[in-house]
Amino acid sequence: MFYLTDTDPHPEGWGAAERDAGYFGGFLNAIDYKTGKIAWRHHYVFGGGPVGILTTAGKLLFAGDGIQSLVAFDPAKGDILWHAGLADGVSNGPITYLLDGQQYVVAGAGDSLYAFALQD
């Protein structure tokens, strides 16, 4: 969790992009908002990137994994439900949209966008 504390009108750095983060692996932690305790933890053996996370009302959590994959997790338990190998590491927080009754999730990796249709 990060907070902006620099009052400089031109702060240096990027939120959540720590220097030297991920070289020894990393974790995706799900925190129970009622207790503040970690509900589950996923260990990224190869490091997780400083990318965003998307959770959906359909009970999915999407994130990159540090080894060029987009991963769908069960947000209640942390189980991996699906993953797709990409040509580069995920470089943004995934987004979702609905078009003609079909829901899609989109993530950027390198100079490409990847779109996946979600099934009911």
PDB file of N, CA and C in Angstrom:
ATOM      1  N   MET A   1       0.857  -1.159   0.000  1.00  0.00           N
ATOM      2  CA  MET A   1       0.000   0.000   0.000  1.00  0.00           C
ATOM      3  C   MET A   1       0.905   1.224   0.000  1.00  0.00           C
ATOM      4  N   PHE A   2       0.592   2.197  -0.826  1.00  0.00           N
ATOM      5  CA  PHE A   2       1.422   3.385  -0.954  1.00  0.00           C
ATOM      6  C   PHE A   2       0.584   4.632  -0.727  1.00  0.00           C
ATOM      7  N   TYR A   3       1.213   5.633  -0.159  1.00  0.00           N
ATOM      8  CA  TYR A   3       0.565   6.916   0.065  1.00  0.00           C
ATOM      9  C   TYR A   3       1.473   8.007  -0.464  1.00  0.00           C
ATOM     10  N   LEU A   4       0.891   9.029  -1.071  1.00  0.00           N
ATOM     11  CA  LEU A   4       1.666  10.159  -1.546  1.00  0.00           C
ATOM     12  C   LEU A   4       1.938  11.070  -0.357  1.00  0.00           C
ATOM     13  N   THR A   5       3.201  11.236  -0.025  1.00  0.00           N
ATOM     14  CA  THR A   5       3.571  12.103   1.085  1.00  0.00           C
ATOM     15  C   THR A   5       4.438  13.261   0.628  1.00  0.00           C
ATOM     16  N   ASP A   6       4.885  13.225  -0.623  1.00  0.00           N
ATOM     17  CA  ASP A   6       5.745  14.278  -1.155  1.00  0.00           C
ATOM     18  C   ASP A   6       4.883  15.469  -1.547  1.00  0.00           C
ATOM     19  N   THR A   7       5.143  16.633  -0.990  1.00  0.00           N
ATOM     20  CA  THR A   7       4.369  17.830  -1.308  1.00  0.00           C
ATOM     21  C   THR A   7       4.940  18.582  -2.497  1.00  0.00           C
ATOM     22  N   ASP A   8       6.058  18.095  -3.046  1.00  0.00           N
ATOM     23  CA  ASP A   8       6.646  18.695  -4.242  1.00  0.00           C
ATOM     24  C   ASP A   8       5.626  18.591  -5.375  1.00  0.00           C
ATOM     25  N   PRO A   9       5.371  19.689  -6.132  1.00  0.00           N
ATOM     26  CA  PRO A   9       4.395  19.612  -7.223  1.00  0.00           C
ATOM     27  C   PRO A   9       4.831  18.674  -8.347  1.00  0.00           C
ATOM     28  N   HIS A  10       6.100  18.269  -8.373  1.00  0.00           N
ATOM     29  CA  HIS A  10       6.612  17.344  -9.388  1.00  0.00           C
ATOM     30  C   HIS A  10       7.337  16.200  -8.686  1.00  0.00           C
ATOM     31  N   PRO A  11       6.591  15.316  -7.998  1.00  0.00           N
ATOM     32  CA  PRO A  11       7.256  14.241  -7.255  1.00  0.00           C
ATOM     33  C   PRO A  11       8.005  13.302  -8.191  1.00  0.00           C
ATOM     34  N   GLU A  12       9.058  12.726  -7.659  1.00  0.00           N
ATOM     35  CA  GLU A  12       9.882  11.801  -8.427  1.00  0.00           C
ATOM     36  C   GLU A  12       9.408  10.377  -8.200  1.00  0.00           C
ATOM     37  N   GLY A  13       9.423   9.566  -9.244  1.00  0.00           N
ATOM     38  CA  GLY A  13       9.091   8.147  -9.103  1.00  0.00           C
ATOM     39  C   GLY A  13       7.672   7.845  -9.520  1.00  0.00           C
ATOM     40  N   TRP A  14       7.337   6.589  -9.405  1.00  0.00           N
ATOM     41  CA  TRP A  14       6.030   6.090  -9.807  1.00  0.00           C
ATOM     42  C   TRP A  14       5.437   5.314  -8.644  1.00  0.00           C
ATOM     43  N   GLY A  15       4.145   5.470  -8.396  1.00  0.00           N
ATOM     44  CA  GLY A  15       3.497   4.727  -7.336  1.00  0.00           C
ATOM     45  C   GLY A  15       3.602   3.230  -7.568  1.00  0.00           C
ATOM     46  N   ALA A  16       4.007   2.508  -6.569  1.00  0.00           N
ATOM     47  CA  ALA A  16       4.106   1.047  -6.554  1.00  0.00           C
ATOM     48  C   ALA A  16       5.190   0.499  -7.466  1.00  0.00           C
ATOM     49  N   ALA A  17       6.054   1.320  -7.994  1.00  0.00           N
ATOM     50  CA  ALA A  17       7.163   0.824  -8.818  1.00  0.00           C
ATOM     51  C   ALA A  17       8.445   0.972  -8.016  1.00  0.00           C
ATOM     52  N   GLU A  18       8.627   0.086  -7.060  1.00  0.00           N
ATOM     53  CA  GLU A  18       9.789   0.179  -6.184  1.00  0.00           C
ATOM     54  C   GLU A  18      11.059  -0.237  -6.907  1.00  0.00           C
ATOM     55  N   ARG A  19      12.129   0.416  -6.608  1.00  0.00           N
ATOM     56  CA  ARG A  19      13.420  -0.015  -7.145  1.00  0.00           C
ATOM     57  C   ARG A  19      13.828  -1.322  -6.484  1.00  0.00           C
ATOM     58  N   ASP A  20      14.368  -2.229  -7.268  1.00  0.00           N
ATOM     59  CA  ASP A  20      14.857  -3.528  -6.805  1.00  0.00           C
ATOM     60  C   ASP A  20      13.757  -4.444  -6.270  1.00  0.00           C
ATOM     61  N   ALA A  21      12.497  -4.154  -6.517  1.00  0.00           N
ATOM     62  CA  ALA A  21      11.428  -5.037  -6.054  1.00  0.00           C
ATOM     63  C   ALA A  21      11.338  -6.248  -6.960  1.00  0.00           C
ATOM     64  N   GLY A  22      11.088  -7.393  -6.395  1.00  0.00           N
ATOM     65  CA  GLY A  22      10.828  -8.590  -7.168  1.00  0.00           C
ATOM     66  C   GLY A  22      12.034  -9.446  -7.492  1.00  0.00           C
ATOM     67  N   TYR A  23      13.224  -9.051  -7.164  1.00  0.00           N
ATOM     68  CA  TYR A  23      14.387  -9.853  -7.504  1.00  0.00           C
ATOM     69  C   TYR A  23      14.437 -11.162  -6.736  1.00  0.00           C
ATOM     70  N   PHE A  24      13.829 -11.230  -5.584  1.00  0.00           N
ATOM     71  CA  PHE A  24      13.827 -12.446  -4.773  1.00  0.00           C
ATOM     72  C   PHE A  24      12.434 -13.027  -4.688  1.00  0.00           C
ATOM     73  N   GLY A  25      11.645 -12.793  -5.696  1.00  0.00           N
ATOM     74  CA  GLY A  25      10.258 -13.242  -5.680  1.00  0.00           C
ATOM     75  C   GLY A  25       9.384 -12.197  -5.013  1.00  0.00           C
ATOM     76  N   GLY A  26       8.110 -12.393  -5.091  1.00  0.00           N
ATOM     77  CA  GLY A  26       7.182 -11.443  -4.508  1.00  0.00           C
ATOM     78  C   GLY A  26       5.900 -12.164  -4.131  1.00  0.00           C
ATOM     79  N   PHE A  27       4.963 -11.416  -3.575  1.00  0.00           N
ATOM     80  CA  PHE A  27       3.711 -11.997  -3.123  1.00  0.00           C
ATOM     81  C   PHE A  27       2.545 -11.137  -3.566  1.00  0.00           C
ATOM     82  N   LEU A  28       1.454 -11.805  -3.860  1.00  0.00           N
ATOM     83  CA  LEU A  28       0.162 -11.162  -4.022  1.00  0.00           C
ATOM     84  C   LEU A  28      -0.597 -11.497  -2.760  1.00  0.00           C
ATOM     85  N   ASN A  29      -0.919 -10.496  -1.953  1.00  0.00           N
ATOM     86  CA  ASN A  29      -1.604 -10.710  -0.678  1.00  0.00           C
ATOM     87  C   ASN A  29      -3.049 -10.242  -0.779  1.00  0.00           C
ATOM     88  N   ALA A  30      -3.970 -11.082  -0.350  1.00  0.00           N
ATOM     89  CA  ALA A  30      -5.371 -10.691  -0.230  1.00  0.00           C
ATOM     90  C   ALA A  30      -5.616 -10.368   1.235  1.00  0.00           C
ATOM     91  N   ILE A  31      -6.078  -9.170   1.493  1.00  0.00           N
ATOM     92  CA  ILE A  31      -6.271  -8.713   2.865  1.00  0.00           C
ATOM     93  C   ILE A  31      -7.764  -8.655   3.179  1.00  0.00           C
ATOM     94  N   ASP A  32      -8.161  -9.285   4.266  1.00  0.00           N
ATOM     95  CA  ASP A  32      -9.543  -9.236   4.730  1.00  0.00           C
ATOM     96  C   ASP A  32      -9.818  -7.815   5.226  1.00  0.00           C
ATOM     97  N   TYR A  33     -10.716  -7.120   4.565  1.00  0.00           N
ATOM     98  CA  TYR A  33     -10.954  -5.720   4.911  1.00  0.00           C
ATOM     99  C   TYR A  33     -11.566  -5.549   6.302  1.00  0.00           C
ATOM    100  N   LYS A  34     -12.197  -6.587   6.834  1.00  0.00           N
ATOM    101  CA  LYS A  34     -12.810  -6.496   8.159  1.00  0.00           C
ATOM    102  C   LYS A  34     -11.786  -6.609   9.278  1.00  0.00           C
ATOM    103  N   THR A  35     -10.772  -7.467   9.067  1.00  0.00           N
ATOM    104  CA  THR A  35      -9.804  -7.724  10.139  1.00  0.00           C
ATOM    105  C   THR A  35      -8.427  -7.125   9.865  1.00  0.00           C
ATOM    106  N   GLY A  36      -8.129  -6.851   8.591  1.00  0.00           N
ATOM    107  CA  GLY A  36      -6.803  -6.365   8.231  1.00  0.00           C
ATOM    108  C   GLY A  36      -5.771  -7.474   8.127  1.00  0.00           C
ATOM    109  N   LYS A  37      -6.199  -8.721   8.328  1.00  0.00           N
ATOM    110  CA  LYS A  37      -5.289  -9.855   8.260  1.00  0.00           C
ATOM    111  C   LYS A  37      -5.226 -10.402   6.832  1.00  0.00           C
ATOM    112  N   ILE A  38      -4.109 -11.058   6.521  1.00  0.00           N
ATOM    113  CA  ILE A  38      -3.948 -11.650   5.200  1.00  0.00           C
ATOM    114  C   ILE A  38      -4.855 -12.876   5.100  1.00  0.00           C
ATOM    115  N   ALA A  39      -5.759 -12.852   4.112  1.00  0.00           N
ATOM    116  CA  ALA A  39      -6.690 -13.966   3.905  1.00  0.00           C
ATOM    117  C   ALA A  39      -6.019 -15.100   3.136  1.00  0.00           C
ATOM    118  N   TRP A  40      -5.220 -14.747   2.145  1.00  0.00           N
ATOM    119  CA  TRP A  40      -4.419 -15.718   1.403  1.00  0.00           C
ATOM    120  C   TRP A  40      -3.264 -14.980   0.750  1.00  0.00           C
ATOM    121  N   ARG A  41      -2.286 -15.766   0.336  1.00  0.00           N
ATOM    122  CA  ARG A  41      -1.069 -15.199  -0.250  1.00  0.00           C
ATOM    123  C   ARG A  41      -0.634 -16.089  -1.412  1.00  0.00           C
ATOM    124  N   HIS A  42      -0.288 -15.462  -2.532  1.00  0.00           N
ATOM    125  CA  HIS A  42       0.263 -16.197  -3.682  1.00  0.00           C
ATOM    126  C   HIS A  42       1.714 -15.763  -3.852  1.00  0.00           C
ATOM    127  N   HIS A  43       2.615 -16.741  -3.848  1.00  0.00           N
ATOM    128  CA  HIS A  43       4.034 -16.451  -3.992  1.00  0.00           C
ATOM    129  C   HIS A  43       4.416 -16.460  -5.465  1.00  0.00           C
ATOM    130  N   TYR A  44       4.982 -15.348  -5.928  1.00  0.00           N
ATOM    131  CA  TYR A  44       5.528 -15.256  -7.280  1.00  0.00           C
ATOM    132  C   TYR A  44       6.993 -15.656  -7.187  1.00  0.00           C
ATOM    133  N   VAL A  45       7.304 -16.869  -7.581  1.00  0.00           N
ATOM    134  CA  VAL A  45       8.667 -17.384  -7.482  1.00  0.00           C
ATOM    135  C   VAL A  45       9.640 -16.526  -8.290  1.00  0.00           C
ATOM    136  N   PHE A  46       9.204 -16.072  -9.460  1.00  0.00           N
ATOM    137  CA  PHE A  46      10.065 -15.297 -10.340  1.00  0.00           C
ATOM    138  C   PHE A  46       9.838 -13.797 -10.203  1.00  0.00           C
ATOM    139  N   GLY A  47       9.129 -13.400  -9.186  1.00  0.00           N
ATOM    140  CA  GLY A  47       8.846 -11.986  -8.961  1.00  0.00           C
ATOM    141  C   GLY A  47       7.574 -11.578  -9.665  1.00  0.00           C
ATOM    142  N   GLY A  48       6.808 -10.763  -9.034  1.00  0.00           N
ATOM    143  CA  GLY A  48       5.627 -10.182  -9.660  1.00  0.00           C
ATOM    144  C   GLY A  48       5.979  -8.788 -10.100  1.00  0.00           C
ATOM    145  N   GLY A  49       5.397  -8.341 -11.176  1.00  0.00           N
ATOM    146  CA  GLY A  49       5.719  -7.003 -11.659  1.00  0.00           C
ATOM    147  C   GLY A  49       4.930  -5.940 -10.945  1.00  0.00           C
ATOM    148  N   PRO A  50       5.353  -4.700 -11.036  1.00  0.00           N
ATOM    149  CA  PRO A  50       4.607  -3.595 -10.427  1.00  0.00           C
ATOM    150  C   PRO A  50       3.433  -3.206 -11.315  1.00  0.00           C
ATOM    151  N   VAL A  51       2.473  -4.110 -11.452  1.00  0.00           N
ATOM    152  CA  VAL A  51       1.319  -3.864 -12.311  1.00  0.00           C
ATOM    153  C   VAL A  51       0.052  -3.855 -11.482  1.00  0.00           C
ATOM    154  N   GLY A  52      -1.021  -3.361 -12.077  1.00  0.00           N
ATOM    155  CA  GLY A  52      -2.292  -3.288 -11.387  1.00  0.00           C
ATOM    156  C   GLY A  52      -3.006  -4.623 -11.328  1.00  0.00           C
ATOM    157  N   ILE A  53      -4.040  -4.643 -10.540  1.00  0.00           N
ATOM    158  CA  ILE A  53      -4.869  -5.817 -10.334  1.00  0.00           C
ATOM    159  C   ILE A  53      -6.294  -5.430 -10.667  1.00  0.00           C
ATOM    160  N   LEU A  54      -7.024  -6.361 -11.254  1.00  0.00           N
ATOM    161  CA  LEU A  54      -8.437  -6.145 -11.565  1.00  0.00           C
ATOM    162  C   LEU A  54      -9.255  -7.219 -10.866  1.00  0.00           C
ATOM    163  N   THR A  55     -10.272  -6.820 -10.113  1.00  0.00           N
ATOM    164  CA  THR A  55     -11.241  -7.772  -9.590  1.00  0.00           C
ATOM    165  C   THR A  55     -12.581  -7.454 -10.232  1.00  0.00           C
ATOM    166  N   THR A  56     -13.385  -8.489 -10.450  1.00  0.00           N
ATOM    167  CA  THR A  56     -14.670  -8.311 -11.119  1.00  0.00           C
ATOM    168  C   THR A  56     -15.806  -8.718 -10.203  1.00  0.00           C
ATOM    169  N   ALA A  57     -17.005  -8.268 -10.538  1.00  0.00           N
ATOM    170  CA  ALA A  57     -18.195  -8.682  -9.795  1.00  0.00           C
ATOM    171  C   ALA A  57     -18.477 -10.159 -10.011  1.00  0.00           C
ATOM    172  N   GLY A  58     -17.898 -10.748 -11.061  1.00  0.00           N
ATOM    173  CA  GLY A  58     -18.062 -12.165 -11.338  1.00  0.00           C
ATOM    174  C   GLY A  58     -17.097 -13.039 -10.572  1.00  0.00           C
ATOM    175  N   LYS A  59     -16.495 -12.486  -9.540  1.00  0.00           N
ATOM    176  CA  LYS A  59     -15.598 -13.227  -8.643  1.00  0.00           C
ATOM    177  C   LYS A  59     -14.343 -13.736  -9.340  1.00  0.00           C
ATOM    178  N   LEU A  60     -13.659 -12.827 -10.034  1.00  0.00           N
ATOM    179  CA  LEU A  60     -12.369 -13.107 -10.648  1.00  0.00           C
ATOM    180  C   LEU A  60     -11.385 -12.014 -10.257  1.00  0.00           C
ATOM    181  N   LEU A  61     -10.123 -12.376 -10.153  1.00  0.00           N
ATOM    182  CA  LEU A  61      -9.054 -11.424  -9.896  1.00  0.00           C
ATOM    183  C   LEU A  61      -7.993 -11.671 -10.974  1.00  0.00           C
ATOM    184  N   PHE A  62      -7.626 -10.633 -11.720  1.00  0.00           N
ATOM    185  CA  PHE A  62      -6.627 -10.749 -12.780  1.00  0.00           C
ATOM    186  C   PHE A  62      -5.378  -9.981 -12.388  1.00  0.00           C
ATOM    187  N   ALA A  63      -4.208 -10.573 -12.675  1.00  0.00           N
ATOM    188  CA  ALA A  63      -2.924  -9.917 -12.425  1.00  0.00           C
ATOM    189  C   ALA A  63      -1.860 -10.579 -13.296  1.00  0.00           C
ATOM    190  N   GLY A  64      -0.776  -9.859 -13.549  1.00  0.00           N
ATOM    191  CA  GLY A  64       0.372 -10.450 -14.217  1.00  0.00           C
ATOM    192  C   GLY A  64       1.157 -11.283 -13.215  1.00  0.00           C
ATOM    193  N   ASP A  65       2.043 -12.164 -13.720  1.00  0.00           N
ATOM    194  CA  ASP A  65       2.766 -13.056 -12.816  1.00  0.00           C
ATOM    195  C   ASP A  65       4.279 -12.895 -12.844  1.00  0.00           C
ATOM    196  N   GLY A  66       4.818 -11.961 -13.581  1.00  0.00           N
ATOM    197  CA  GLY A  66       6.259 -11.763 -13.606  1.00  0.00           C
ATOM    198  C   GLY A  66       6.974 -12.638 -14.614  1.00  0.00           C
ATOM    199  N   ILE A  67       6.290 -13.581 -15.242  1.00  0.00           N
ATOM    200  CA  ILE A  67       6.916 -14.424 -16.272  1.00  0.00           C
ATOM    201  C   ILE A  67       6.055 -14.449 -17.537  1.00  0.00           C
ATOM    202  N   GLN A  68       5.544 -13.309 -17.907  1.00  0.00           N
ATOM    203  CA  GLN A  68       4.834 -13.096 -19.168  1.00  0.00           C
ATOM    204  C   GLN A  68       3.507 -13.845 -19.260  1.00  0.00           C
ATOM    205  N   SER A  69       2.757 -13.865 -18.179  1.00  0.00           N
ATOM    206  CA  SER A  69       1.423 -14.467 -18.199  1.00  0.00           C
ATOM    207  C   SER A  69       0.427 -13.537 -17.535  1.00  0.00           C
ATOM    208  N   LEU A  70      -0.812 -13.606 -18.001  1.00  0.00           N
ATOM    209  CA  LEU A  70      -1.942 -12.995 -17.320  1.00  0.00           C
ATOM    210  C   LEU A  70      -2.643 -14.128 -16.589  1.00  0.00           C
ATOM    211  N   VAL A  71      -2.912 -13.931 -15.302  1.00  0.00           N
ATOM    212  CA  VAL A  71      -3.449 -14.997 -14.455  1.00  0.00           C
ATOM    213  C   VAL A  71      -4.790 -14.563 -13.875  1.00  0.00           C
ATOM    214  N   ALA A  72      -5.763 -15.498 -13.875  1.00  0.00           N
ATOM    215  CA  ALA A  72      -7.052 -15.296 -13.204  1.00  0.00           C
ATOM    216  C   ALA A  72      -7.057 -16.121 -11.930  1.00  0.00           C
ATOM    217  N   PHE A  73      -7.332 -15.456 -10.825  1.00  0.00           N
ATOM    218  CA  PHE A  73      -7.399 -16.095  -9.516  1.00  0.00           C
ATOM    219  C   PHE A  73      -8.834 -16.102  -9.009  1.00  0.00           C
ATOM    220  N   ASP A  74      -9.138 -17.036  -8.123  1.00  0.00           N
ATOM    221  CA  ASP A  74     -10.348 -16.989  -7.321  1.00  0.00           C
ATOM    222  C   ASP A  74     -10.035 -16.010  -6.189  1.00  0.00           C
ATOM    223  N   PRO A  75     -10.702 -14.853  -6.121  1.00  0.00           N
ATOM    224  CA  PRO A  75     -10.328 -13.861  -5.111  1.00  0.00           C
ATOM    225  C   PRO A  75     -10.649 -14.283  -3.681  1.00  0.00           C
ATOM    226  N   ALA A  76     -11.517 -15.276  -3.489  1.00  0.00           N
ATOM    227  CA  ALA A  76     -11.851 -15.721  -2.140  1.00  0.00           C
ATOM    228  C   ALA A  76     -10.797 -16.666  -1.572  1.00  0.00           C
ATOM    229  N   LYS A  77     -10.197 -17.499  -2.438  1.00  0.00           N
ATOM    230  CA  LYS A  77      -9.278 -18.528  -1.957  1.00  0.00           C
ATOM    231  C   LYS A  77      -7.855 -18.376  -2.482  1.00  0.00           C
ATOM    232  N   GLY A  78      -7.683 -17.643  -3.582  1.00  0.00           N
ATOM    233  CA  GLY A  78      -6.357 -17.490  -4.163  1.00  0.00           C
ATOM    234  C   GLY A  78      -5.982 -18.580  -5.147  1.00  0.00           C
ATOM    235  N   ASP A  79      -6.904 -19.486  -5.447  1.00  0.00           N
ATOM    236  CA  ASP A  79      -6.621 -20.547  -6.409  1.00  0.00           C
ATOM    237  C   ASP A  79      -6.474 -19.954  -7.812  1.00  0.00           C
ATOM    238  N   ILE A  80      -5.519 -20.484  -8.581  1.00  0.00           N
ATOM    239  CA  ILE A  80      -5.375 -20.071  -9.979  1.00  0.00           C
ATOM    240  C   ILE A  80      -6.434 -20.805 -10.793  1.00  0.00           C
ATOM    241  N   LEU A  81      -7.239 -20.033 -11.528  1.00  0.00           N
ATOM    242  CA  LEU A  81      -8.309 -20.601 -12.336  1.00  0.00           C
ATOM    243  C   LEU A  81      -7.928 -20.713 -13.807  1.00  0.00           C
ATOM    244  N   TRP A  82      -7.033 -19.836 -14.263  1.00  0.00           N
ATOM    245  CA  TRP A  82      -6.704 -19.761 -15.687  1.00  0.00           C
ATOM    246  C   TRP A  82      -5.455 -18.916 -15.830  1.00  0.00           C
ATOM    247  N   HIS A  83      -4.695 -19.149 -16.893  1.00  0.00           N
ATOM    248  CA  HIS A  83      -3.590 -18.254 -17.226  1.00  0.00           C
ATOM    249  C   HIS A  83      -3.345 -18.307 -18.727  1.00  0.00           C
ATOM    250  N   ALA A  84      -2.799 -17.239 -19.249  1.00  0.00           N
ATOM    251  CA  ALA A  84      -2.463 -17.152 -20.677  1.00  0.00           C
ATOM    252  C   ALA A  84      -1.056 -16.601 -20.804  1.00  0.00           C
ATOM    253  N   GLY A  85      -0.229 -17.297 -21.558  1.00  0.00           N
ATOM    254  CA  GLY A  85       1.116 -16.812 -21.844  1.00  0.00           C
ATOM    255  C   GLY A  85       1.061 -15.684 -22.857  1.00  0.00           C
ATOM    256  N   LEU A  86       1.815 -14.627 -22.602  1.00  0.00           N
ATOM    257  CA  LEU A  86       1.856 -13.460 -23.486  1.00  0.00           C
ATOM    258  C   LEU A  86       3.271 -13.307 -24.034  1.00  0.00           C
ATOM    259  N   ALA A  87       3.441 -12.440 -24.987  1.00  0.00           N
ATOM    260  CA  ALA A  87       4.760 -12.249 -25.601  1.00  0.00           C
ATOM    261  C   ALA A  87       5.688 -11.385 -24.754  1.00  0.00           C
ATOM    262  N   ASP A  88       5.149 -10.767 -23.702  1.00  0.00           N
ATOM    263  CA  ASP A  88       5.934  -9.902 -22.820  1.00  0.00           C
ATOM    264  C   ASP A  88       5.223  -9.859 -21.481  1.00  0.00           C
ATOM    265  N   GLY A  89       5.842  -9.223 -20.491  1.00  0.00           N
ATOM    266  CA  GLY A  89       5.220  -9.096 -19.183  1.00  0.00           C
ATOM    267  C   GLY A  89       4.048  -8.123 -19.212  1.00  0.00           C
ATOM    268  N   VAL A  90       3.053  -8.373 -18.379  1.00  0.00           N
ATOM    269  CA  VAL A  90       1.899  -7.477 -18.267  1.00  0.00           C
ATOM    270  C   VAL A  90       2.390  -6.124 -17.796  1.00  0.00           C
ATOM    271  N   SER A  91       1.998  -5.064 -18.503  1.00  0.00           N
ATOM    272  CA  SER A  91       2.551  -3.734 -18.234  1.00  0.00           C
ATOM    273  C   SER A  91       1.518  -2.741 -17.729  1.00  0.00           C
ATOM    274  N   ASN A  92       0.320  -3.201 -17.395  1.00  0.00           N
ATOM    275  CA  ASN A  92      -0.712  -2.291 -16.911  1.00  0.00           C
ATOM    276  C   ASN A  92      -1.689  -3.060 -16.045  1.00  0.00           C
ATOM    277  N   GLY A  93      -2.588  -2.335 -15.419  1.00  0.00           N
ATOM    278  CA  GLY A  93      -3.697  -2.991 -14.742  1.00  0.00           C
ATOM    279  C   GLY A  93      -4.709  -3.411 -15.795  1.00  0.00           C
ATOM    280  N   PRO A  94      -5.125  -4.672 -15.809  1.00  0.00           N
ATOM    281  CA  PRO A  94      -6.118  -5.112 -16.787  1.00  0.00           C
ATOM    282  C   PRO A  94      -7.418  -4.324 -16.639  1.00  0.00           C
ATOM    283  N   ILE A  95      -8.185  -4.274 -17.717  1.00  0.00           N
ATOM    284  CA  ILE A  95      -9.506  -3.636 -17.695  1.00  0.00           C
ATOM    285  C   ILE A  95     -10.524  -4.649 -18.206  1.00  0.00           C
ATOM    286  N   THR A  96     -11.779  -4.377 -17.931  1.00  0.00           N
ATOM    287  CA  THR A  96     -12.850  -5.217 -18.451  1.00  0.00           C
ATOM    288  C   THR A  96     -13.928  -4.329 -19.045  1.00  0.00           C
ATOM    289  N   TYR A  97     -14.624  -4.871 -20.041  1.00  0.00           N
ATOM    290  CA  TYR A  97     -15.727  -4.139 -20.646  1.00  0.00           C
ATOM    291  C   TYR A  97     -16.742  -5.137 -21.190  1.00  0.00           C
ATOM    292  N   LEU A  98     -17.959  -4.651 -21.415  1.00  0.00           N
ATOM    293  CA  LEU A  98     -19.048  -5.453 -21.939  1.00  0.00           C
ATOM    294  C   LEU A  98     -19.398  -4.929 -23.323  1.00  0.00           C
ATOM    295  N   LEU A  99     -19.471  -5.821 -24.311  1.00  0.00           N
ATOM    296  CA  LEU A  99     -19.809  -5.428 -25.681  1.00  0.00           C
ATOM    297  C   LEU A  99     -20.774  -6.462 -26.250  1.00  0.00           C
ATOM    298  N   ASP A 100     -21.947  -6.016 -26.635  1.00  0.00           N
ATOM    299  CA  ASP A 100     -22.961  -6.901 -27.214  1.00  0.00           C
ATOM    300  C   ASP A 100     -23.237  -8.112 -26.333  1.00  0.00           C
ATOM    301  N   GLY A 101     -23.290  -7.901 -25.016  1.00  0.00           N
ATOM    302  CA  GLY A 101     -23.605  -8.966 -24.084  1.00  0.00           C
ATOM    303  C   GLY A 101     -22.439  -9.873 -23.724  1.00  0.00           C
ATOM    304  N   GLN A 102     -21.262  -9.633 -24.283  1.00  0.00           N
ATOM    305  CA  GLN A 102     -20.078 -10.448 -23.991  1.00  0.00           C
ATOM    306  C   GLN A 102     -19.096  -9.628 -23.173  1.00  0.00           C
ATOM    307  N   GLN A 103     -18.602 -10.177 -22.070  1.00  0.00           N
ATOM    308  CA  GLN A 103     -17.612  -9.477 -21.245  1.00  0.00           C
ATOM    309  C   GLN A 103     -16.212  -9.876 -21.684  1.00  0.00           C
ATOM    310  N   TYR A 104     -15.327  -8.877 -21.753  1.00  0.00           N
ATOM    311  CA  TYR A 104     -13.941  -9.073 -22.151  1.00  0.00           C
ATOM    312  C   TYR A 104     -13.014  -8.530 -21.070  1.00  0.00           C
ATOM    313  N   VAL A 105     -11.799  -9.066 -21.009  1.00  0.00           N
ATOM    314  CA  VAL A 105     -10.738  -8.514 -20.180  1.00  0.00           C
ATOM    315  C   VAL A 105      -9.574  -8.219 -21.121  1.00  0.00           C
ATOM    316  N   VAL A 106      -8.944  -7.056 -20.922  1.00  0.00           N
ATOM    317  CA  VAL A 106      -7.839  -6.607 -21.779  1.00  0.00           C
ATOM    318  C   VAL A 106      -6.649  -6.253 -20.908  1.00  0.00           C
ATOM    319  N   ALA A 107      -5.465  -6.696 -21.345  1.00  0.00           N
ATOM    320  CA  ALA A 107      -4.226  -6.346 -20.646  1.00  0.00           C
ATOM    321  C   ALA A 107      -3.175  -5.987 -21.683  1.00  0.00           C
ATOM    322  N   GLY A 108      -2.325  -5.036 -21.330  1.00  0.00           N
ATOM    323  CA  GLY A 108      -1.203  -4.667 -22.188  1.00  0.00           C
ATOM    324  C   GLY A 108       0.037  -5.440 -21.779  1.00  0.00           C
ATOM    325  N   ALA A 109       0.822  -5.827 -22.777  1.00  0.00           N
ATOM    326  CA  ALA A 109       2.097  -6.501 -22.538  1.00  0.00           C
ATOM    327  C   ALA A 109       3.043  -6.060 -23.637  1.00  0.00           C
ATOM    328  N   GLY A 110       4.137  -5.399 -23.239  1.00  0.00           N
ATOM    329  CA  GLY A 110       5.037  -4.843 -24.254  1.00  0.00           C
ATOM    330  C   GLY A 110       4.303  -3.795 -25.059  1.00  0.00           C
ATOM    331  N   ASP A 111       4.311  -3.942 -26.380  1.00  0.00           N
ATOM    332  CA  ASP A 111       3.621  -2.974 -27.230  1.00  0.00           C
ATOM    333  C   ASP A 111       2.322  -3.548 -27.797  1.00  0.00           C
ATOM    334  N   SER A 112       1.743  -4.544 -27.131  1.00  0.00           N
ATOM    335  CA  SER A 112       0.526  -5.203 -27.612  1.00  0.00           C
ATOM    336  C   SER A 112      -0.568  -5.183 -26.561  1.00  0.00           C
ATOM    337  N   LEU A 113      -1.808  -5.232 -27.035  1.00  0.00           N
ATOM    338  CA  LEU A 113      -2.964  -5.408 -26.166  1.00  0.00           C
ATOM    339  C   LEU A 113      -3.524  -6.808 -26.410  1.00  0.00           C
ATOM    340  N   TYR A 114      -3.884  -7.489 -25.323  1.00  0.00           N
ATOM    341  CA  TYR A 114      -4.467  -8.826 -25.412  1.00  0.00           C
ATOM    342  C   TYR A 114      -5.872  -8.768 -24.857  1.00  0.00           C
ATOM    343  N   ALA A 115      -6.846  -9.253 -25.641  1.00  0.00           N
ATOM    344  CA  ALA A 115      -8.235  -9.264 -25.206  1.00  0.00           C
ATOM    345  C   ALA A 115      -8.715 -10.716 -25.123  1.00  0.00           C
ATOM    346  N   PHE A 116      -9.429 -11.013 -24.044  1.00  0.00           N
ATOM    347  CA  PHE A 116      -9.943 -12.355 -23.814  1.00  0.00           C
ATOM    348  C   PHE A 116     -11.423 -12.249 -23.487  1.00  0.00           C
ATOM    349  N   ALA A 117     -12.218 -13.134 -24.089  1.00  0.00           N
ATOM    350  CA  ALA A 117     -13.648 -13.188 -23.789  1.00  0.00           C
ATOM    351  C   ALA A 117     -13.855 -14.047 -22.549  1.00  0.00           C
ATOM    352  N   LEU A 118     -14.672 -13.569 -21.615  1.00  0.00           N
ATOM    353  CA  LEU A 118     -14.979 -14.333 -20.408  1.00  0.00           C
ATOM    354  C   LEU A 118     -16.231 -15.158 -20.649  1.00  0.00           C
ATOM    355  N   GLN A 119     -16.216 -16.383 -20.159  1.00  0.00           N
ATOM    356  CA  GLN A 119     -17.375 -17.257 -20.276  1.00  0.00           C
ATOM    357  C   GLN A 119     -18.171 -17.229 -18.991  1.00  0.00           C
ATOM    358  N   ASP A 120     -19.476 -17.458 -19.109  1.00  0.00           N
ATOM    359  CA  ASP A 120     -20.332 -17.499 -17.922  1.00  0.00           C
ATOM    360  C   ASP A 120     -20.034 -18.709 -17.090  1.00  0.00           C
TER     361      ASP A 120
END
